[in-house]
Amino acid sequence: MRRKPWVRTELAESEFFIDNPTELIGKWNEAFKRPKQSMHLELGCGKGSFIAKLASRNPEVNYLAIDIKS
């Protein structure tokens, strides 16, 4: 996705993409529609297909996926 010129625009339109993660330090639960649920973290999510499938199967869990590459 790094080499696709349209990706930044598409991500900006997504309600799930967070481009300013440092602003949420200490208050990540506030970023979710259901802040009282447990949260699971995936490090190195790549394009996010695995975490997207997992989240759709488990709506009672908030998932946070982080990748080092933008």
Foldseek 3Di string as FASTA:
>chain_A
DVPDPCVVVVLVPDLPHDPCVVVCVPPVLVSDPDSVAAEDEAEACVVPPVVVVVCVVCVRYHYHYDYPPD
